[in-house]
Amino acid sequence: MESLEQLLPDEISTKLGEKTKALRLLAGWKRATLANRAGVSESSLKRFEQTGQASLALVLRVAVSLGRLSEFEPLLAPPPARSIAELDRQRERPMPKRGVR
């Protein structure tokens, strides 16, 4: 299996659409069934499955409907501390309210 690190963003989107279709078929659902459960149009779901093009809202709605939303959590997790000292600094430092650069 090739690493996502080796793919361009458009290729990753296409793979995500393909995997979504595979999960839908594994569940035994027609495209209309998933679209209805996700609250999206069937044509938008079809475009996502075939090309990977979709809004983030559509992707998240589909993920919820397929029971896969928890798989997005690692994307938002802070990087792991590399040492105990770094972990202590992370705990003590308040979360910044805005970026500095």
C-alpha atoms as a PDB file:
ATOM      1  CA  MET A   1       0.000   0.000   0.000  1.00  0.00           C
ATOM      2  CA  GLU A   2       1.471   3.359  -0.965  1.00  0.00           C
ATOM      3  CA  SER A   3       1.889   6.009   1.702  1.00  0.00           C
ATOM      4  CA  LEU A   4      -0.254   9.138   1.578  1.00  0.00           C
ATOM      5  CA  GLU A   5       2.988  11.069   2.078  1.00  0.00           C
ATOM      6  CA  GLN A   6       3.948  10.142  -1.498  1.00  0.00           C
ATOM      7  CA  LEU A   7       0.718  11.420  -3.063  1.00  0.00           C
ATOM      8  CA  LEU A   8      -0.423  14.839  -4.210  1.00  0.00           C
ATOM      9  CA  PRO A   9      -3.515  16.336  -2.534  1.00  0.00           C
ATOM     10  CA  ASP A  10      -5.700  15.618  -5.591  1.00  0.00           C
ATOM     11  CA  GLU A  11      -4.595  11.977  -5.533  1.00  0.00           C
ATOM     12  CA  ILE A  12      -5.407  11.726  -1.836  1.00  0.00           C
ATOM     13  CA  SER A  13      -8.872  13.177  -2.476  1.00  0.00           C
ATOM     14  CA  THR A  14      -9.481  10.648  -5.232  1.00  0.00           C
ATOM     15  CA  LYS A  15      -8.400   7.795  -2.944  1.00  0.00           C
ATOM     16  CA  LEU A  16     -10.699   9.086  -0.193  1.00  0.00           C
ATOM     17  CA  GLY A  17     -13.627   9.058  -2.610  1.00  0.00           C
ATOM     18  CA  GLU A  18     -12.778   5.543  -3.770  1.00  0.00           C
ATOM     19  CA  LYS A  19     -12.505   4.292  -0.188  1.00  0.00           C
ATOM     20  CA  THR A  20     -15.831   5.905   0.657  1.00  0.00           C
ATOM     21  CA  LYS A  21     -17.459   4.037  -2.218  1.00  0.00           C
ATOM     22  CA  ALA A  22     -15.875   0.781  -1.032  1.00  0.00           C
ATOM     23  CA  LEU A  23     -17.205   1.329   2.511  1.00  0.00           C
ATOM     24  CA  ARG A  24     -20.673   2.114   1.146  1.00  0.00           C
ATOM     25  CA  LEU A  25     -20.687  -1.063  -0.910  1.00  0.00           C
ATOM     26  CA  LEU A  26     -19.354  -3.064   2.035  1.00  0.00           C
ATOM     27  CA  ALA A  27     -22.347  -1.806   4.037  1.00  0.00           C
ATOM     28  CA  GLY A  28     -24.594  -2.956   1.186  1.00  0.00           C
ATOM     29  CA  TRP A  29     -25.977   0.535   0.594  1.00  0.00           C
ATOM     30  CA  LYS A  30     -26.979   2.127  -2.657  1.00  0.00           C
ATOM     31  CA  ARG A  31     -25.582   5.572  -3.298  1.00  0.00           C
ATOM     32  CA  ALA A  32     -29.045   7.023  -2.662  1.00  0.00           C
ATOM     33  CA  THR A  33     -29.142   5.354   0.756  1.00  0.00           C
ATOM     34  CA  LEU A  34     -25.862   6.897   1.902  1.00  0.00           C
ATOM     35  CA  ALA A  35     -26.742  10.282   0.418  1.00  0.00           C
ATOM     36  CA  ASN A  36     -30.055  10.238   2.287  1.00  0.00           C
ATOM     37  CA  ARG A  37     -28.434   9.182   5.571  1.00  0.00           C
ATOM     38  CA  ALA A  38     -25.753  11.863   5.190  1.00  0.00           C
ATOM     39  CA  GLY A  39     -28.182  14.588   4.139  1.00  0.00           C
ATOM     40  CA  VAL A  40     -26.336  15.304   0.894  1.00  0.00           C
ATOM     41  CA  SER A  41     -27.416  15.128  -2.704  1.00  0.00           C
ATOM     42  CA  GLU A  42     -26.842  11.911  -4.576  1.00  0.00           C
ATOM     43  CA  SER A  43     -25.055  13.796  -7.354  1.00  0.00           C
ATOM     44  CA  SER A  44     -22.609  15.361  -4.847  1.00  0.00           C
ATOM     45  CA  LEU A  45     -21.895  11.946  -3.347  1.00  0.00           C
ATOM     46  CA  LYS A  46     -21.387  10.474  -6.814  1.00  0.00           C
ATOM     47  CA  ARG A  47     -18.925  13.259  -7.706  1.00  0.00           C
ATOM     48  CA  PHE A  48     -17.037  12.637  -4.450  1.00  0.00           C
ATOM     49  CA  GLU A  49     -16.838   8.885  -5.008  1.00  0.00           C
ATOM     50  CA  GLN A  50     -15.693   9.282  -8.608  1.00  0.00           C
ATOM     51  CA  THR A  51     -13.381  12.295  -8.424  1.00  0.00           C
ATOM     52  CA  GLY A  52     -12.690  13.002  -4.753  1.00  0.00           C
ATOM     53  CA  GLN A  53     -14.136  16.499  -5.122  1.00  0.00           C
ATOM     54  CA  ALA A  54     -16.296  17.460  -2.144  1.00  0.00           C
ATOM     55  CA  SER A  55     -16.712  20.062   0.543  1.00  0.00           C
ATOM     56  CA  LEU A  56     -15.375  19.291   3.971  1.00  0.00           C
ATOM     57  CA  ALA A  57     -18.973  19.376   5.244  1.00  0.00           C
ATOM     58  CA  LEU A  58     -19.956  16.608   2.806  1.00  0.00           C
ATOM     59  CA  VAL A  59     -16.942  14.486   3.760  1.00  0.00           C
ATOM     60  CA  LEU A  60     -17.761  14.835   7.462  1.00  0.00           C
ATOM     61  CA  ARG A  61     -21.464  14.060   6.940  1.00  0.00           C
ATOM     62  CA  VAL A  62     -20.568  10.928   5.001  1.00  0.00           C
ATOM     63  CA  ALA A  63     -18.010   9.921   7.653  1.00  0.00           C
ATOM     64  CA  VAL A  64     -20.681  10.261  10.360  1.00  0.00           C
ATOM     65  CA  SER A  65     -23.126   8.177   8.329  1.00  0.00           C
ATOM     66  CA  LEU A  66     -20.529   5.450   7.812  1.00  0.00           C
ATOM     67  CA  GLY A  67     -19.554   5.491  11.503  1.00  0.00           C
ATOM     68  CA  ARG A  68     -16.011   6.663  10.718  1.00  0.00           C
ATOM     69  CA  LEU A  69     -15.902  10.187  12.178  1.00  0.00           C
ATOM     70  CA  SER A  70     -13.556   9.146  14.994  1.00  0.00           C
ATOM     71  CA  GLU A  71     -10.883   8.452  12.378  1.00  0.00           C
ATOM     72  CA  PHE A  72     -10.571  12.217  11.825  1.00  0.00           C
ATOM     73  CA  GLU A  73      -9.563  12.851  15.452  1.00  0.00           C
ATOM     74  CA  PRO A  74      -5.829  12.121  14.969  1.00  0.00           C
ATOM     75  CA  LEU A  75      -5.709  14.948  12.398  1.00  0.00           C
ATOM     76  CA  LEU A  76      -6.479  17.455  15.138  1.00  0.00           C
ATOM     77  CA  ALA A  77      -4.326  15.999  17.903  1.00  0.00           C
ATOM     78  CA  PRO A  78      -1.282  17.994  19.017  1.00  0.00           C
ATOM     79  CA  PRO A  79       2.084  16.506  18.110  1.00  0.00           C
ATOM     80  CA  PRO A  80       3.436  14.123  20.736  1.00  0.00           C
ATOM     81  CA  ALA A  81       6.011  15.455  23.187  1.00  0.00           C
ATOM     82  CA  ARG A  82       9.555  14.246  22.507  1.00  0.00           C
ATOM     83  CA  SER A  83      10.640  14.414  26.129  1.00  0.00           C
ATOM     84  CA  ILE A  84       9.254  14.703  29.654  1.00  0.00           C
ATOM     85  CA  ALA A  85      10.511  18.301  29.798  1.00  0.00           C
ATOM     86  CA  GLU A  86       8.630  19.175  26.598  1.00  0.00           C
ATOM     87  CA  LEU A  87       5.486  17.524  27.974  1.00  0.00           C
ATOM     88  CA  ASP A  88       5.797  19.597  31.167  1.00  0.00           C
ATOM     89  CA  ARG A  89       6.224  22.807  29.103  1.00  0.00           C
ATOM     90  CA  GLN A  90       3.115  21.968  27.061  1.00  0.00           C
ATOM     91  CA  ARG A  91       1.071  21.528  30.231  1.00  0.00           C
ATOM     92  CA  GLU A  92       2.315  24.778  31.787  1.00  0.00           C
ATOM     93  CA  ARG A  93       2.086  26.983  28.704  1.00  0.00           C
ATOM     94  CA  PRO A  94      -1.359  28.503  28.020  1.00  0.00           C
ATOM     95  CA  MET A  95      -2.873  27.855  24.588  1.00  0.00           C
ATOM     96  CA  PRO A  96      -2.130  30.843  22.311  1.00  0.00           C
ATOM     97  CA  LYS A  97      -5.131  32.779  21.074  1.00  0.00           C
ATOM     98  CA  ARG A  98      -3.556  33.625  17.697  1.00  0.00           C
ATOM     99  CA  GLY A  99      -0.549  32.825  15.574  1.00  0.00           C
ATOM    100  CA  VAL A 100       2.612  34.901  15.707  1.00  0.00           C
ATOM    101  CA  ARG A 101       3.669  34.572  12.051  1.00  0.00           C
END
